[in-house]
C-alpha atoms as a PDB file:
ATOM      1  CA  UNK A   1       7.414-112.487 -46.309  1.00  0.00           C
ATOM      2  CA  UNK A   2       3.769-113.138 -47.905  1.00  0.00           C
ATOM      3  CA  UNK A   3       1.849-111.192 -45.144  1.00  0.00           C
ATOM      4  CA  UNK A   4       3.997-108.332 -45.596  1.00  0.00           C
ATOM      5  CA  UNK A   5       3.381-108.378 -49.073  1.00  0.00           C
ATOM      6  CA  UNK A   6      -0.135-108.608 -48.541  1.00  0.00           C
ATOM      7  CA  UNK A   7      -0.268-105.562 -45.937  1.00  0.00           C
ATOM      8  CA  UNK A   8       1.739-103.566 -48.405  1.00  0.00           C
ATOM      9  CA  UNK A   9      -1.179-104.241 -51.176  1.00  0.00           C
ATOM     10  CA  UNK A  10      -4.110-103.620 -48.489  1.00  0.00           C
ATOM     11  CA  UNK A  11      -2.518-100.693 -46.989  1.00  0.00           C
ATOM     12  CA  UNK A  12      -1.498 -99.467 -50.577  1.00  0.00           C
ATOM     13  CA  UNK A  13      -5.255 -99.610 -51.876  1.00  0.00           C
ATOM     14  CA  UNK A  14      -6.718 -97.555 -48.945  1.00  0.00           C
ATOM     15  CA  UNK A  15      -4.051 -95.284 -48.798  1.00  0.00           C
ATOM     16  CA  UNK A  16      -3.968 -94.593 -52.638  1.00  0.00           C
ATOM     17  CA  UNK A  17      -7.780 -94.255 -52.511  1.00  0.00           C
ATOM     18  CA  UNK A  18      -7.700 -91.788 -49.599  1.00  0.00           C
ATOM     19  CA  UNK A  19      -4.829 -89.496 -51.027  1.00  0.00           C
ATOM     20  CA  UNK A  20      -6.875 -89.249 -53.977  1.00  0.00           C
ATOM     21  CA  UNK A  21     -10.272 -88.620 -52.429  1.00  0.00           C
ATOM     22  CA  UNK A  22      -8.481 -85.833 -50.368  1.00  0.00           C
ATOM     23  CA  UNK A  23      -6.231 -83.949 -52.702  1.00  0.00           C
ATOM     24  CA  UNK A  24      -8.868 -82.108 -55.435  1.00  0.00           C
ATOM     25  CA  UNK A  25      -8.580 -82.450 -58.857  1.00  0.00           C
ATOM     26  CA  UNK A  26      -8.753 -85.238 -61.573  1.00  0.00           C
ATOM     27  CA  UNK A  27      -6.337 -88.116 -61.837  1.00  0.00           C
ATOM     28  CA  UNK A  28      -6.298 -90.556 -64.353  1.00  0.00           C
ATOM     29  CA  UNK A  29      -5.682 -93.706 -62.843  1.00  0.00           C
ATOM     30  CA  UNK A  30      -7.027 -97.104 -62.490  1.00  0.00           C
ATOM     31  CA  UNK A  31      -7.342 -99.447 -59.371  1.00  0.00           C
ATOM     32  CA  UNK A  32      -3.330-100.669 -60.081  1.00  0.00           C
ATOM     33  CA  UNK A  33      -2.207 -97.161 -60.311  1.00  0.00           C
ATOM     34  CA  UNK A  34      -3.905 -96.074 -56.881  1.00  0.00           C
ATOM     35  CA  UNK A  35      -2.646 -99.437 -55.170  1.00  0.00           C
ATOM     36  CA  UNK A  36       0.999 -98.118 -56.714  1.00  0.00           C
ATOM     37  CA  UNK A  37       0.414 -94.823 -55.540  1.00  0.00           C
ATOM     38  CA  UNK A  38      -0.320 -96.115 -51.818  1.00  0.00           C
ATOM     39  CA  UNK A  39       2.496 -98.497 -51.674  1.00  0.00           C
ATOM     40  CA  UNK A  40       4.758 -95.557 -52.985  1.00  0.00           C
ATOM     41  CA  UNK A  41       3.328 -93.482 -50.346  1.00  0.00           C
ATOM     42  CA  UNK A  42       3.829 -95.909 -47.517  1.00  0.00           C
ATOM     43  CA  UNK A  43       7.372 -95.796 -48.267  1.00  0.00           C
ATOM     44  CA  UNK A  44       7.710 -92.217 -48.398  1.00  0.00           C
ATOM     45  CA  UNK A  45       5.726 -92.150 -45.403  1.00  0.00           C
ATOM     46  CA  UNK A  46       8.124 -94.414 -43.786  1.00  0.00           C
ATOM     47  CA  UNK A  47      11.101 -92.810 -44.839  1.00  0.00           C
ATOM     48  CA  UNK A  48       9.401 -89.141 -43.536  1.00  0.00           C
ATOM     49  CA  UNK A  49       8.848 -90.993 -40.201  1.00  0.00           C
ATOM     50  CA  UNK A  50      12.385 -92.009 -40.096  1.00  0.00           C
ATOM     51  CA  UNK A  51      13.738 -89.014 -41.042  1.00  0.00           C
ATOM     52  CA  UNK A  52      11.632 -87.045 -38.421  1.00  0.00           C
ATOM     53  CA  UNK A  53      11.819 -89.152 -35.242  1.00  0.00           C
ATOM     54  CA  UNK A  54      14.671 -91.332 -35.946  1.00  0.00           C
ATOM     55  CA  UNK A  55      13.013 -94.668 -34.750  1.00  0.00           C
ATOM     56  CA  UNK A  56      13.928 -98.363 -36.179  1.00  0.00           C
ATOM     57  CA  UNK A  57      17.476 -97.057 -37.095  1.00  0.00           C
ATOM     58  CA  UNK A  58      18.419-100.817 -37.144  1.00  0.00           C
ATOM     59  CA  UNK A  59      15.936-101.215 -40.308  1.00  0.00           C
ATOM     60  CA  UNK A  60      17.163 -98.218 -42.393  1.00  0.00           C
ATOM     61  CA  UNK A  61      15.395 -95.441 -43.840  1.00  0.00           C
ATOM     62  CA  UNK A  62      13.359 -97.280 -46.581  1.00  0.00           C
ATOM     63  CA  UNK A  63      10.978 -99.075 -44.580  1.00  0.00           C
ATOM     64  CA  UNK A  64       6.862 -99.224 -45.337  1.00  0.00           C
ATOM     65  CA  UNK A  65       4.947 -97.033 -42.410  1.00  0.00           C
ATOM     66  CA  UNK A  66       1.542 -97.340 -40.991  1.00  0.00           C
ATOM     67  CA  UNK A  67      -1.692 -96.515 -42.145  1.00  0.00           C
ATOM     68  CA  UNK A  68      -1.557 -92.514 -41.624  1.00  0.00           C
ATOM     69  CA  UNK A  69       2.029 -92.559 -42.559  1.00  0.00           C
ATOM     70  CA  UNK A  70       0.930 -94.253 -45.819  1.00  0.00           C
ATOM     71  CA  UNK A  71      -1.549 -91.796 -46.472  1.00  0.00           C
ATOM     72  CA  UNK A  72       0.408 -88.525 -45.684  1.00  0.00           C
ATOM     73  CA  UNK A  73       3.263 -90.204 -47.900  1.00  0.00           C
ATOM     74  CA  UNK A  74       0.595 -90.906 -50.788  1.00  0.00           C
ATOM     75  CA  UNK A  75      -0.761 -87.559 -50.650  1.00  0.00           C
ATOM     76  CA  UNK A  76       2.908 -86.170 -50.953  1.00  0.00           C
ATOM     77  CA  UNK A  77       3.618 -88.601 -53.844  1.00  0.00           C
ATOM     78  CA  UNK A  78       0.321 -87.720 -55.524  1.00  0.00           C
ATOM     79  CA  UNK A  79       1.026 -83.849 -55.259  1.00  0.00           C
ATOM     80  CA  UNK A  80       5.017 -84.658 -56.786  1.00  0.00           C
ATOM     81  CA  UNK A  81       3.311 -86.985 -59.714  1.00  0.00           C
ATOM     82  CA  UNK A  82       1.258 -84.141 -60.512  1.00  0.00           C
ATOM     83  CA  UNK A  83       3.961 -81.378 -60.393  1.00  0.00           C
ATOM     84  CA  UNK A  84       5.908 -83.551 -62.511  1.00  0.00           C
ATOM     85  CA  UNK A  85       3.564 -84.044 -65.182  1.00  0.00           C
ATOM     86  CA  UNK A  86       1.859 -87.266 -64.439  1.00  0.00           C
ATOM     87  CA  UNK A  87       0.986 -88.457 -67.953  1.00  0.00           C
ATOM     88  CA  UNK A  88       3.237 -89.623 -70.676  1.00  0.00           C
ATOM     89  CA  UNK A  89       2.320 -88.541 -73.675  1.00  0.00           C
ATOM     90  CA  UNK A  90      -1.390 -87.952 -75.694  1.00  0.00           C
ATOM     91  CA  UNK A  91      -2.315 -85.593 -72.337  1.00  0.00           C
ATOM     92  CA  UNK A  92      -4.153 -82.346 -73.476  1.00  0.00           C
ATOM     93  CA  UNK A  93      -2.461 -79.340 -71.967  1.00  0.00           C
ATOM     94  CA  UNK A  94      -3.673 -77.175 -69.591  1.00  0.00           C
ATOM     95  CA  UNK A  95      -4.608 -74.022 -70.782  1.00  0.00           C
ATOM     96  CA  UNK A  96      -5.751 -71.014 -68.385  1.00  0.00           C
END
């Protein structure tokens, strides 16, 4: 169990950082926000892998994915975060 948690943390840091690097724009997230983004992305990637490929049927749909799936999931989670608003109060509205 401890190994799984360390895996989630390390993969979360890498996937969250790469997602923020690959998606242009400013994200006011700190280290722990980036790590949480990667961890959420890992589960999003695992869910998408389950839906697309149907592997690991005995583990269920909510599972962690590998590095590439985590990065793709983190990019999706970051884009959804931005679409929903991403900031709670105090943020300046974007004017065009």
